[in-house]
């Protein structure tokens, strides 16, 4: 996971997403930092696409940030801190 965090910090969003998509992670219960890295990479990649005028690509990246891929072993919380309350 550290490599994905470094890629994220360096602005290599696609590399971070690729790493997170191609590996299976084993997490302790209640530890969801790996999903934060995944969501940040997706949102930042979406921002890059948006600024370049690639709006449909940006929407796909933003939507992917809301997903919880099984290989990350992080479940969807009852309340998501990044989303507004309903």
PDB file of N, CA and C in Angstrom:
ATOM      1  N   UNK A   1       0.814  -1.182   0.000  1.00  0.00           N
ATOM      2  CA  UNK A   1       0.000   0.000   0.000  1.00  0.00           C
ATOM      3  C   UNK A   1       0.867   1.258   0.000  1.00  0.00           C
ATOM      4  N   UNK A   2       2.025   1.192   0.588  1.00  0.00           N
ATOM      5  CA  UNK A   2       2.900   2.359   0.652  1.00  0.00           C
ATOM      6  C   UNK A   2       3.275   2.851  -0.741  1.00  0.00           C
ATOM      7  N   UNK A   3       3.477   1.931  -1.649  1.00  0.00           N
ATOM      8  CA  UNK A   3       3.829   2.311  -3.020  1.00  0.00           C
ATOM      9  C   UNK A   3       2.693   3.098  -3.665  1.00  0.00           C
ATOM     10  N   UNK A   4       1.456   2.682  -3.416  1.00  0.00           N
ATOM     11  CA  UNK A   4       0.301   3.401  -3.959  1.00  0.00           C
ATOM     12  C   UNK A   4       0.213   4.797  -3.356  1.00  0.00           C
ATOM     13  N   UNK A   5       0.521   4.925  -2.074  1.00  0.00           N
ATOM     14  CA  UNK A   5       0.507   6.237  -1.425  1.00  0.00           C
ATOM     15  C   UNK A   5       1.569   7.156  -2.037  1.00  0.00           C
ATOM     16  N   UNK A   6       2.733   6.612  -2.320  1.00  0.00           N
ATOM     17  CA  UNK A   6       3.803   7.398  -2.928  1.00  0.00           C
ATOM     18  C   UNK A   6       3.391   7.839  -4.324  1.00  0.00           C
ATOM     19  N   UNK A   7       2.823   6.911  -5.110  1.00  0.00           N
ATOM     20  CA  UNK A   7       2.342   7.272  -6.449  1.00  0.00           C
ATOM     21  C   UNK A   7       1.307   8.392  -6.357  1.00  0.00           C
ATOM     22  N   UNK A   8       0.424   8.296  -5.396  1.00  0.00           N
ATOM     23  CA  UNK A   8      -0.606   9.312  -5.207  1.00  0.00           C
ATOM     24  C   UNK A   8       0.024  10.669  -4.904  1.00  0.00           C
ATOM     25  N   UNK A   9       0.972  10.690  -3.985  1.00  0.00           N
ATOM     26  CA  UNK A   9       1.628  11.940  -3.605  1.00  0.00           C
ATOM     27  C   UNK A   9       2.435  12.546  -4.746  1.00  0.00           C
ATOM     28  N   UNK A  10       2.950  11.699  -5.627  1.00  0.00           N
ATOM     29  CA  UNK A  10       3.732  12.178  -6.767  1.00  0.00           C
ATOM     30  C   UNK A  10       2.861  12.592  -7.954  1.00  0.00           C
ATOM     31  N   UNK A  11       1.554  12.383  -7.824  1.00  0.00           N
ATOM     32  CA  UNK A  11       0.657  12.733  -8.923  1.00  0.00           C
ATOM     33  C   UNK A  11       0.529  11.661  -9.971  1.00  0.00           C
ATOM     34  N   UNK A  12       0.990  10.463  -9.661  1.00  0.00           N
ATOM     35  CA  UNK A  12       0.893   9.326 -10.589  1.00  0.00           C
ATOM     36  C   UNK A  12      -0.386   8.546 -10.270  1.00  0.00           C
ATOM     37  N   UNK A  13      -1.519   9.177 -10.513  1.00  0.00           N
ATOM     38  CA  UNK A  13      -2.803   8.611 -10.107  1.00  0.00           C
ATOM     39  C   UNK A  13      -3.116   7.306 -10.820  1.00  0.00           C
ATOM     40  N   UNK A  14      -2.848   7.253 -12.116  1.00  0.00           N
ATOM     41  CA  UNK A  14      -3.135   6.038 -12.878  1.00  0.00           C
ATOM     42  C   UNK A  14      -2.309   4.858 -12.363  1.00  0.00           C
ATOM     43  N   UNK A  15      -1.049   5.114 -12.016  1.00  0.00           N
ATOM     44  CA  UNK A  15      -0.194   4.049 -11.469  1.00  0.00           C
ATOM     45  C   UNK A  15      -0.722   3.571 -10.126  1.00  0.00           C
ATOM     46  N   UNK A  16      -1.151   4.494  -9.283  1.00  0.00           N
ATOM     47  CA  UNK A  16      -1.697   4.116  -7.983  1.00  0.00           C
ATOM     48  C   UNK A  16      -2.952   3.270  -8.160  1.00  0.00           C
ATOM     49  N   UNK A  17      -3.826   3.686  -9.063  1.00  0.00           N
ATOM     50  CA  UNK A  17      -5.064   2.942  -9.311  1.00  0.00           C
ATOM     51  C   UNK A  17      -4.747   1.561  -9.868  1.00  0.00           C
ATOM     52  N   UNK A  18      -3.795   1.490 -10.781  1.00  0.00           N
ATOM     53  CA  UNK A  18      -3.403   0.198 -11.364  1.00  0.00           C
ATOM     54  C   UNK A  18      -2.874  -0.742 -10.279  1.00  0.00           C
ATOM     55  N   UNK A  19      -2.030  -0.226  -9.413  1.00  0.00           N
ATOM     56  CA  UNK A  19      -1.481  -1.044  -8.327  1.00  0.00           C
ATOM     57  C   UNK A  19      -2.595  -1.545  -7.407  1.00  0.00           C
ATOM     58  N   UNK A  20      -3.500  -0.656  -7.057  1.00  0.00           N
ATOM     59  CA  UNK A  20      -4.595  -1.030  -6.163  1.00  0.00           C
ATOM     60  C   UNK A  20      -5.566  -2.007  -6.820  1.00  0.00           C
ATOM     61  N   UNK A  21      -5.692  -1.938  -8.132  1.00  0.00           N
ATOM     62  CA  UNK A  21      -6.623  -2.818  -8.850  1.00  0.00           C
ATOM     63  C   UNK A  21      -6.047  -4.208  -9.096  1.00  0.00           C
ATOM     64  N   UNK A  22      -4.722  -4.332  -9.099  1.00  0.00           N
ATOM     65  CA  UNK A  22      -4.107  -5.609  -9.476  1.00  0.00           C
ATOM     66  C   UNK A  22      -3.546  -6.398  -8.311  1.00  0.00           C
ATOM     67  N   UNK A  23      -3.737  -5.918  -7.102  1.00  0.00           N
ATOM     68  CA  UNK A  23      -3.257  -6.633  -5.916  1.00  0.00           C
ATOM     69  C   UNK A  23      -4.416  -6.882  -4.956  1.00  0.00           C
ATOM     70  N   UNK A  24      -4.267  -7.933  -4.169  1.00  0.00           N
ATOM     71  CA  UNK A  24      -5.263  -8.236  -3.134  1.00  0.00           C
ATOM     72  C   UNK A  24      -4.660  -7.817  -1.800  1.00  0.00           C
ATOM     73  N   UNK A  25      -5.407  -7.022  -1.061  1.00  0.00           N
ATOM     74  CA  UNK A  25      -4.935  -6.514   0.228  1.00  0.00           C
ATOM     75  C   UNK A  25      -5.704  -7.172   1.357  1.00  0.00           C
ATOM     76  N   UNK A  26      -5.010  -7.452   2.452  1.00  0.00           N
ATOM     77  CA  UNK A  26      -5.625  -8.033   3.641  1.00  0.00           C
ATOM     78  C   UNK A  26      -5.582  -6.983   4.741  1.00  0.00           C
ATOM     79  N   UNK A  27      -6.748  -6.576   5.197  1.00  0.00           N
ATOM     80  CA  UNK A  27      -6.833  -5.503   6.178  1.00  0.00           C
ATOM     81  C   UNK A  27      -7.356  -5.989   7.513  1.00  0.00           C
ATOM     82  N   UNK A  28      -6.943  -5.301   8.560  1.00  0.00           N
ATOM     83  CA  UNK A  28      -7.486  -5.536   9.888  1.00  0.00           C
ATOM     84  C   UNK A  28      -8.879  -4.929   9.942  1.00  0.00           C
ATOM     85  N   UNK A  29      -9.708  -5.483  10.787  1.00  0.00           N
ATOM     86  CA  UNK A  29     -11.054  -4.956  10.939  1.00  0.00           C
ATOM     87  C   UNK A  29     -10.997  -3.499  11.403  1.00  0.00           C
ATOM     88  N   UNK A  30     -11.782  -2.664  10.761  1.00  0.00           N
ATOM     89  CA  UNK A  30     -11.836  -1.258  11.128  1.00  0.00           C
ATOM     90  C   UNK A  30     -10.744  -0.407  10.511  1.00  0.00           C
ATOM     91  N   UNK A  31      -9.872  -1.000   9.710  1.00  0.00           N
ATOM     92  CA  UNK A  31      -8.782  -0.256   9.094  1.00  0.00           C
ATOM     93  C   UNK A  31      -9.110  -0.050   7.625  1.00  0.00           C
ATOM     94  N   UNK A  32      -9.450   1.177   7.259  1.00  0.00           N
ATOM     95  CA  UNK A  32      -9.883   1.419   5.894  1.00  0.00           C
ATOM     96  C   UNK A  32      -9.043   2.413   5.131  1.00  0.00           C
ATOM     97  N   UNK A  33      -7.820   2.662   5.579  1.00  0.00           N
ATOM     98  CA  UNK A  33      -6.969   3.657   4.920  1.00  0.00           C
ATOM     99  C   UNK A  33      -6.737   3.326   3.448  1.00  0.00           C
ATOM    100  N   UNK A  34      -6.671   2.061   3.109  1.00  0.00           N
ATOM    101  CA  UNK A  34      -6.420   1.672   1.726  1.00  0.00           C
ATOM    102  C   UNK A  34      -7.531   2.199   0.818  1.00  0.00           C
ATOM    103  N   UNK A  35      -8.760   2.212   1.301  1.00  0.00           N
ATOM    104  CA  UNK A  35      -9.845   2.755   0.490  1.00  0.00           C
ATOM    105  C   UNK A  35      -9.707   4.262   0.335  1.00  0.00           C
ATOM    106  N   UNK A  36      -9.216   4.944   1.343  1.00  0.00           N
ATOM    107  CA  UNK A  36      -8.983   6.389   1.235  1.00  0.00           C
ATOM    108  C   UNK A  36      -7.972   6.685   0.124  1.00  0.00           C
ATOM    109  N   UNK A  37      -6.920   5.890   0.047  1.00  0.00           N
ATOM    110  CA  UNK A  37      -5.917   6.067  -1.001  1.00  0.00           C
ATOM    111  C   UNK A  37      -6.563   5.809  -2.365  1.00  0.00           C
ATOM    112  N   UNK A  38      -7.355   4.755  -2.456  1.00  0.00           N
ATOM    113  CA  UNK A  38      -8.058   4.419  -3.700  1.00  0.00           C
ATOM    114  C   UNK A  38      -8.990   5.554  -4.123  1.00  0.00           C
ATOM    115  N   UNK A  39      -9.813   6.038  -3.192  1.00  0.00           N
ATOM    116  CA  UNK A  39     -10.771   7.091  -3.509  1.00  0.00           C
ATOM    117  C   UNK A  39     -10.050   8.389  -3.890  1.00  0.00           C
ATOM    118  N   UNK A  40      -8.999   8.726  -3.162  1.00  0.00           N
ATOM    119  CA  UNK A  40      -8.237   9.938  -3.484  1.00  0.00           C
ATOM    120  C   UNK A  40      -7.646   9.856  -4.892  1.00  0.00           C
ATOM    121  N   UNK A  41      -7.090   8.711  -5.232  1.00  0.00           N
ATOM    122  CA  UNK A  41      -6.495   8.538  -6.564  1.00  0.00           C
ATOM    123  C   UNK A  41      -7.555   8.691  -7.651  1.00  0.00           C
ATOM    124  N   UNK A  42      -8.726   8.108  -7.425  1.00  0.00           N
ATOM    125  CA  UNK A  42      -9.801   8.204  -8.418  1.00  0.00           C
ATOM    126  C   UNK A  42     -10.288   9.646  -8.568  1.00  0.00           C
ATOM    127  N   UNK A  43     -10.484  10.331  -7.447  1.00  0.00           N
ATOM    128  CA  UNK A  43     -10.970  11.712  -7.496  1.00  0.00           C
ATOM    129  C   UNK A  43      -9.934  12.626  -8.160  1.00  0.00           C
ATOM    130  N   UNK A  44      -8.683  12.468  -7.794  1.00  0.00           N
ATOM    131  CA  UNK A  44      -7.641  13.319  -8.370  1.00  0.00           C
ATOM    132  C   UNK A  44      -7.435  13.034  -9.856  1.00  0.00           C
ATOM    133  N   UNK A  45      -7.561  11.776 -10.251  1.00  0.00           N
ATOM    134  CA  UNK A  45      -7.495  11.462 -11.680  1.00  0.00           C
ATOM    135  C   UNK A  45      -8.692  12.081 -12.395  1.00  0.00           C
ATOM    136  N   UNK A  46      -9.847  12.061 -11.746  1.00  0.00           N
ATOM    137  CA  UNK A  46     -11.030  12.706 -12.310  1.00  0.00           C
ATOM    138  C   UNK A  46     -10.840  14.206 -12.453  1.00  0.00           C
ATOM    139  N   UNK A  47     -10.214  14.828 -11.482  1.00  0.00           N
ATOM    140  CA  UNK A  47      -9.942  16.267 -11.550  1.00  0.00           C
ATOM    141  C   UNK A  47      -9.026  16.586 -12.728  1.00  0.00           C
ATOM    142  N   UNK A  48      -8.038  15.738 -12.939  1.00  0.00           N
ATOM    143  CA  UNK A  48      -7.123  15.929 -14.073  1.00  0.00           C
ATOM    144  C   UNK A  48      -7.881  15.840 -15.391  1.00  0.00           C
ATOM    145  N   UNK A  49      -8.749  14.843 -15.507  1.00  0.00           N
ATOM    146  CA  UNK A  49      -9.545  14.680 -16.723  1.00  0.00           C
ATOM    147  C   UNK A  49     -10.501  15.863 -16.904  1.00  0.00           C
ATOM    148  N   UNK A  50     -11.103  16.295 -15.812  1.00  0.00           N
ATOM    149  CA  UNK A  50     -12.043  17.418 -15.880  1.00  0.00           C
ATOM    150  C   UNK A  50     -11.357  18.685 -16.377  1.00  0.00           C
ATOM    151  N   UNK A  51     -10.201  18.976 -15.818  1.00  0.00           N
ATOM    152  CA  UNK A  51      -9.460  20.181 -16.219  1.00  0.00           C
ATOM    153  C   UNK A  51      -9.004  20.126 -17.676  1.00  0.00           C
ATOM    154  N   UNK A  52      -8.855  18.897 -18.196  1.00  0.00           N
ATOM    155  CA  UNK A  52      -8.460  18.731 -19.595  1.00  0.00           C
ATOM    156  C   UNK A  52      -9.674  18.704 -20.525  1.00  0.00           C
ATOM    157  N   UNK A  53     -10.874  18.863 -19.954  1.00  0.00           N
ATOM    158  CA  UNK A  53     -12.077  18.875 -20.767  1.00  0.00           C
ATOM    159  C   UNK A  53     -12.620  17.501 -21.111  1.00  0.00           C
ATOM    160  N   UNK A  54     -12.086  16.466 -20.494  1.00  0.00           N
ATOM    161  CA  UNK A  54     -12.556  15.095 -20.731  1.00  0.00           C
ATOM    162  C   UNK A  54     -13.607  14.763 -19.660  1.00  0.00           C
ATOM    163  N   UNK A  55     -14.794  15.327 -19.832  1.00  0.00           N
ATOM    164  CA  UNK A  55     -15.810  15.305 -18.794  1.00  0.00           C
ATOM    165  C   UNK A  55     -16.390  13.916 -18.525  1.00  0.00           C
ATOM    166  N   UNK A  56     -16.619  13.133 -19.558  1.00  0.00           N
ATOM    167  CA  UNK A  56     -17.172  11.788 -19.347  1.00  0.00           C
ATOM    168  C   UNK A  56     -16.169  10.902 -18.621  1.00  0.00           C
ATOM    169  N   UNK A  57     -14.910  11.053 -18.960  1.00  0.00           N
ATOM    170  CA  UNK A  57     -13.855  10.302 -18.258  1.00  0.00           C
ATOM    171  C   UNK A  57     -13.810  10.721 -16.790  1.00  0.00           C
ATOM    172  N   UNK A  58     -13.966  12.014 -16.545  1.00  0.00           N
ATOM    173  CA  UNK A  58     -13.957  12.525 -15.174  1.00  0.00           C
ATOM    174  C   UNK A  58     -15.109  11.938 -14.368  1.00  0.00           C
ATOM    175  N   UNK A  59     -16.287  11.881 -14.966  1.00  0.00           N
ATOM    176  CA  UNK A  59     -17.453  11.332 -14.272  1.00  0.00           C
ATOM    177  C   UNK A  59     -17.216   9.863 -13.914  1.00  0.00           C
ATOM    178  N   UNK A  60     -16.609   9.104 -14.815  1.00  0.00           N
ATOM    179  CA  UNK A  60     -16.305   7.692 -14.534  1.00  0.00           C
ATOM    180  C   UNK A  60     -15.332   7.566 -13.363  1.00  0.00           C
ATOM    181  N   UNK A  61     -14.325   8.440 -13.332  1.00  0.00           N
ATOM    182  CA  UNK A  61     -13.364   8.404 -12.225  1.00  0.00           C
ATOM    183  C   UNK A  61     -14.038   8.768 -10.904  1.00  0.00           C
ATOM    184  N   UNK A  62     -14.884   9.790 -10.926  1.00  0.00           N
ATOM    185  CA  UNK A  62     -15.589  10.189  -9.708  1.00  0.00           C
ATOM    186  C   UNK A  62     -16.496   9.066  -9.211  1.00  0.00           C
ATOM    187  N   UNK A  63     -17.187   8.415 -10.136  1.00  0.00           N
ATOM    188  CA  UNK A  63     -18.075   7.305  -9.764  1.00  0.00           C
ATOM    189  C   UNK A  63     -17.265   6.139  -9.194  1.00  0.00           C
ATOM    190  N   UNK A  64     -16.101   5.884  -9.770  1.00  0.00           N
ATOM    191  CA  UNK A  64     -15.251   4.788  -9.273  1.00  0.00           C
ATOM    192  C   UNK A  64     -14.796   5.059  -7.837  1.00  0.00           C
ATOM    193  N   UNK A  65     -14.644   6.324  -7.471  1.00  0.00           N
ATOM    194  CA  UNK A  65     -14.219   6.667  -6.107  1.00  0.00           C
ATOM    195  C   UNK A  65     -15.253   6.238  -5.071  1.00  0.00           C
ATOM    196  N   UNK A  66     -16.496   6.062  -5.494  1.00  0.00           N
ATOM    197  CA  UNK A  66     -17.561   5.649  -4.572  1.00  0.00           C
ATOM    198  C   UNK A  66     -17.648   4.133  -4.417  1.00  0.00           C
ATOM    199  N   UNK A  67     -16.887   3.397  -5.221  1.00  0.00           N
ATOM    200  CA  UNK A  67     -16.925   1.933  -5.169  1.00  0.00           C
ATOM    201  C   UNK A  67     -16.036   1.387  -4.061  1.00  0.00           C
ATOM    202  N   UNK A  68     -16.303   0.167  -3.673  1.00  0.00           N
ATOM    203  CA  UNK A  68     -15.501  -0.541  -2.672  1.00  0.00           C
ATOM    204  C   UNK A  68     -15.063  -1.875  -3.276  1.00  0.00           C
ATOM    205  N   UNK A  69     -13.978  -1.881  -4.058  1.00  0.00           N
ATOM    206  CA  UNK A  69     -13.525  -3.118  -4.702  1.00  0.00           C
ATOM    207  C   UNK A  69     -13.230  -4.215  -3.676  1.00  0.00           C
ATOM    208  N   UNK A  70     -13.630  -5.420  -4.001  1.00  0.00           N
ATOM    209  CA  UNK A  70     -13.457  -6.543  -3.073  1.00  0.00           C
ATOM    210  C   UNK A  70     -12.003  -6.801  -2.728  1.00  0.00           C
ATOM    211  N   UNK A  71     -11.092  -6.567  -3.677  1.00  0.00           N
ATOM    212  CA  UNK A  71      -9.685  -6.888  -3.424  1.00  0.00           C
ATOM    213  C   UNK A  71      -9.062  -5.978  -2.362  1.00  0.00           C
ATOM    214  N   UNK A  72      -9.718  -4.865  -2.030  1.00  0.00           N
ATOM    215  CA  UNK A  72      -9.202  -3.992  -0.978  1.00  0.00           C
ATOM    216  C   UNK A  72      -9.623  -4.455   0.414  1.00  0.00           C
ATOM    217  N   UNK A  73     -10.620  -5.341   0.462  1.00  0.00           N
ATOM    218  CA  UNK A  73     -11.145  -5.884   1.714  1.00  0.00           C
ATOM    219  C   UNK A  73     -11.584  -4.795   2.692  1.00  0.00           C
ATOM    220  N   UNK A  74     -12.228  -3.770   2.155  1.00  0.00           N
ATOM    221  CA  UNK A  74     -12.793  -2.711   2.989  1.00  0.00           C
ATOM    222  C   UNK A  74     -14.271  -2.649   2.659  1.00  0.00           C
ATOM    223  N   UNK A  75     -15.105  -2.800   3.678  1.00  0.00           N
ATOM    224  CA  UNK A  75     -16.539  -2.746   3.458  1.00  0.00           C
ATOM    225  C   UNK A  75     -17.069  -1.330   3.493  1.00  0.00           C
ATOM    226  N   UNK A  76     -18.190  -1.143   2.855  1.00  0.00           N
ATOM    227  CA  UNK A  76     -18.842   0.166   2.843  1.00  0.00           C
ATOM    228  C   UNK A  76     -19.322   0.468   4.262  1.00  0.00           C
ATOM    229  N   UNK A  77     -18.945   1.624   4.804  1.00  0.00           N
ATOM    230  CA  UNK A  77     -19.380   1.970   6.156  1.00  0.00           C
ATOM    231  C   UNK A  77     -20.864   2.356   6.183  1.00  0.00           C
ATOM    232  N   UNK A  78     -21.440   2.331   7.367  1.00  0.00           N
ATOM    233  CA  UNK A  78     -22.842   2.726   7.497  1.00  0.00           C
ATOM    234  C   UNK A  78     -23.022   4.192   7.127  1.00  0.00           C
ATOM    235  N   UNK A  79     -22.056   5.011   7.543  1.00  0.00           N
ATOM    236  CA  UNK A  79     -22.057   6.433   7.180  1.00  0.00           C
ATOM    237  C   UNK A  79     -20.733   6.759   6.547  1.00  0.00           C
ATOM    238  N   UNK A  80     -20.775   7.288   5.352  1.00  0.00           N
ATOM    239  CA  UNK A  80     -19.535   7.628   4.659  1.00  0.00           C
ATOM    240  C   UNK A  80     -19.181   9.081   4.967  1.00  0.00           C
ATOM    241  N   UNK A  81     -18.013   9.278   5.539  1.00  0.00           N
ATOM    242  CA  UNK A  81     -17.590  10.604   5.971  1.00  0.00           C
ATOM    243  C   UNK A  81     -17.438  11.580   4.810  1.00  0.00           C
ATOM    244  N   UNK A  82     -17.167  11.082   3.628  1.00  0.00           N
ATOM    245  CA  UNK A  82     -16.936  11.962   2.476  1.00  0.00           C
ATOM    246  C   UNK A  82     -18.223  12.392   1.787  1.00  0.00           C
ATOM    247  N   UNK A  83     -19.337  11.807   2.145  1.00  0.00           N
ATOM    248  CA  UNK A  83     -20.601  12.150   1.493  1.00  0.00           C
ATOM    249  C   UNK A  83     -21.448  13.004   2.420  1.00  0.00           C
ATOM    250  N   UNK A  84     -22.252  13.893   1.870  1.00  0.00           N
ATOM    251  CA  UNK A  84     -23.128  14.716   2.718  1.00  0.00           C
ATOM    252  C   UNK A  84     -24.199  13.847   3.365  1.00  0.00           C
ATOM    253  N   UNK A  85     -24.634  14.258   4.532  1.00  0.00           N
ATOM    254  CA  UNK A  85     -25.700  13.529   5.219  1.00  0.00           C
ATOM    255  C   UNK A  85     -27.014  13.763   4.495  1.00  0.00           C
ATOM    256  N   UNK A  86     -27.848  12.745   4.503  1.00  0.00           N
ATOM    257  CA  UNK A  86     -29.146  12.848   3.823  1.00  0.00           C
ATOM    258  C   UNK A  86     -30.191  13.345   4.783  1.00  0.00           C
TER     259      UNK A  86
END
